[in-house]
Amino acid sequence: MSSTLHKLQYLRKKKGMSQDQMAQKLGMTVHGYRKIEQGSRRMTLELAIKIKGIVDVAHIEDILDAG
């Protein structure tokens, strides 16, 4: 599992959110969000920006792998 996927799960849990709650805030199914956390679905830039706002990180790089 890549560090991006670990970061997503860590940041979501740090906010006290379930996968279902995160999916609802993102306007997607929990199945779709779970696939992103598992790495079987790619995260778009648009989705990363939405997640950034939900988990209150300062920079998009705090979610995405830099390299």
C-alpha atoms as a PDB file:
ATOM      1  CA  MET A   1       0.000   0.000   0.000  1.00  0.00           C
ATOM      2  CA  SER A   2       1.434   3.373  -0.977  1.00  0.00           C
ATOM      3  CA  SER A   3       2.032   6.176   1.470  1.00  0.00           C
ATOM      4  CA  THR A   4      -0.822   8.137  -0.159  1.00  0.00           C
ATOM      5  CA  LEU A   5      -3.276   5.393   0.770  1.00  0.00           C
ATOM      6  CA  HIS A   6      -1.921   5.241   4.310  1.00  0.00           C
ATOM      7  CA  LYS A   7      -2.267   9.016   4.520  1.00  0.00           C
ATOM      8  CA  LEU A   8      -5.882   8.926   3.363  1.00  0.00           C
ATOM      9  CA  GLN A   9      -6.854   6.366   5.952  1.00  0.00           C
ATOM     10  CA  TYR A  10      -4.845   8.103   8.697  1.00  0.00           C
ATOM     11  CA  LEU A  11      -6.312  11.546   7.979  1.00  0.00           C
ATOM     12  CA  ARG A  12      -9.855  10.188   7.744  1.00  0.00           C
ATOM     13  CA  LYS A  13      -9.547   8.359  11.045  1.00  0.00           C
ATOM     14  CA  LYS A  14      -7.878  11.380  12.670  1.00  0.00           C
ATOM     15  CA  LYS A  15     -11.048  13.340  11.833  1.00  0.00           C
ATOM     16  CA  GLY A  16     -13.079  10.530  13.442  1.00  0.00           C
ATOM     17  CA  MET A  17     -14.781   9.672  10.175  1.00  0.00           C
ATOM     18  CA  SER A  18     -15.850   6.321   8.789  1.00  0.00           C
ATOM     19  CA  GLN A  19     -15.416   5.447   5.125  1.00  0.00           C
ATOM     20  CA  ASP A  20     -19.178   5.895   4.741  1.00  0.00           C
ATOM     21  CA  GLN A  21     -19.068   9.404   6.199  1.00  0.00           C
ATOM     22  CA  MET A  22     -16.152  10.384   3.964  1.00  0.00           C
ATOM     23  CA  ALA A  23     -17.901   8.984   0.903  1.00  0.00           C
ATOM     24  CA  GLN A  24     -21.051  10.966   1.732  1.00  0.00           C
ATOM     25  CA  LYS A  25     -19.081  14.200   2.079  1.00  0.00           C
ATOM     26  CA  LEU A  26     -17.410  13.504  -1.266  1.00  0.00           C
ATOM     27  CA  GLY A  27     -20.712  12.696  -2.963  1.00  0.00           C
ATOM     28  CA  MET A  28     -19.721   9.171  -3.884  1.00  0.00           C
ATOM     29  CA  THR A  29     -20.565   5.633  -2.832  1.00  0.00           C
ATOM     30  CA  VAL A  30     -18.735   4.029   0.063  1.00  0.00           C
ATOM     31  CA  HIS A  31     -17.726   1.260  -2.358  1.00  0.00           C
ATOM     32  CA  GLY A  32     -16.072   3.844  -4.621  1.00  0.00           C
ATOM     33  CA  TYR A  33     -14.272   5.537  -1.744  1.00  0.00           C
ATOM     34  CA  ARG A  34     -13.119   2.189  -0.326  1.00  0.00           C
ATOM     35  CA  LYS A  35     -11.560   1.358  -3.711  1.00  0.00           C
ATOM     36  CA  ILE A  36      -9.550   4.591  -3.510  1.00  0.00           C
ATOM     37  CA  GLU A  37      -8.254   3.744  -0.023  1.00  0.00           C
ATOM     38  CA  GLN A  38      -7.415   0.219  -1.204  1.00  0.00           C
ATOM     39  CA  GLY A  39      -5.579   1.525  -4.254  1.00  0.00           C
ATOM     40  CA  SER A  40      -7.757  -0.175  -6.862  1.00  0.00           C
ATOM     41  CA  ARG A  41      -9.186   3.153  -8.070  1.00  0.00           C
ATOM     42  CA  ARG A  42      -7.140   6.237  -8.898  1.00  0.00           C
ATOM     43  CA  MET A  43      -7.769   9.468  -7.077  1.00  0.00           C
ATOM     44  CA  THR A  44      -8.396  12.440  -9.364  1.00  0.00           C
ATOM     45  CA  LEU A  45      -6.978  15.866  -8.613  1.00  0.00           C
ATOM     46  CA  GLU A  46     -10.533  17.144  -8.119  1.00  0.00           C
ATOM     47  CA  LEU A  47     -11.193  14.444  -5.531  1.00  0.00           C
ATOM     48  CA  ALA A  48      -7.864  15.115  -3.785  1.00  0.00           C
ATOM     49  CA  ILE A  49      -8.815  18.802  -3.495  1.00  0.00           C
ATOM     50  CA  LYS A  50     -12.170  17.868  -1.951  1.00  0.00           C
ATOM     51  CA  ILE A  51     -10.467  15.505   0.514  1.00  0.00           C
ATOM     52  CA  LYS A  52      -7.947  18.231   1.399  1.00  0.00           C
ATOM     53  CA  GLY A  53     -10.810  20.468   2.469  1.00  0.00           C
ATOM     54  CA  ILE A  54     -12.581  17.756   4.450  1.00  0.00           C
ATOM     55  CA  VAL A  55      -9.546  16.640   6.448  1.00  0.00           C
ATOM     56  CA  ASP A  56      -8.230  20.206   6.893  1.00  0.00           C
ATOM     57  CA  VAL A  57      -4.700  19.848   5.555  1.00  0.00           C
ATOM     58  CA  ALA A  58      -2.827  22.913   4.370  1.00  0.00           C
ATOM     59  CA  HIS A  59      -1.362  21.564   1.142  1.00  0.00           C
ATOM     60  CA  ILE A  60      -2.447  19.021  -1.436  1.00  0.00           C
ATOM     61  CA  GLU A  61       1.023  17.500  -1.105  1.00  0.00           C
ATOM     62  CA  ASP A  62       0.007  16.453   2.421  1.00  0.00           C
ATOM     63  CA  ILE A  63      -2.331  13.944   0.750  1.00  0.00           C
ATOM     64  CA  LEU A  64      -0.494  13.007  -2.442  1.00  0.00           C
ATOM     65  CA  ASP A  65       2.900  11.372  -2.852  1.00  0.00           C
ATOM     66  CA  ALA A  66       5.480  13.936  -3.893  1.00  0.00           C
ATOM     67  CA  GLY A  67       7.491  11.437  -5.879  1.00  0.00           C
END
